[in-house]
Amino acid sequence: QVQVVESGGGLVQAGGSLRLSCVASGRTFSGYAMGWFRQAPGIEREFVAAVRWYDANTYYRDSVQGRFSISRDRATNTVFLQMDRLKPEDSATYYCGVKAHLDSGSIWSRAAYGDWGQGTQVTVDS
């Protein structure tokens, strides 16, 4: 079992920045990728960004491209999501997930991720 813990959420004014962190621990971590998803009330959880573990290749949804940056620290099994120029529509609970294997599904798909954290709330005030 892998434990996943997110942190770094909060309340920020539109145009501001936040940095989310996600630490994976437990059994020897050997995931294929880690990703951030978000869920606002009444809306399905949606893909935000992901990073492939072995080569740090990154993936972003169109609406955050150029504003958000995902990175990983292999030494500490930590993934970061730097969020700049935040907009009110970015408000949501942000979840970190672990995609264990290449063949577990598309890196863009929630179904491909097996272990999830409890989420961290991001609120962007206009």
Foldseek 3Di string as FASTA:
>chain_A
DKAKAKDWADEEAQQAKIKMKIFIDDPPDDFQKKFKWWDDPPDDIFGAKMAGPPPRDMDGDPVQVPFWDWGADPVGRMIMIIGGNDDQVVWGWMKMFTQHDPPLDDPRDPSRTDDIHPTDTHGYHD
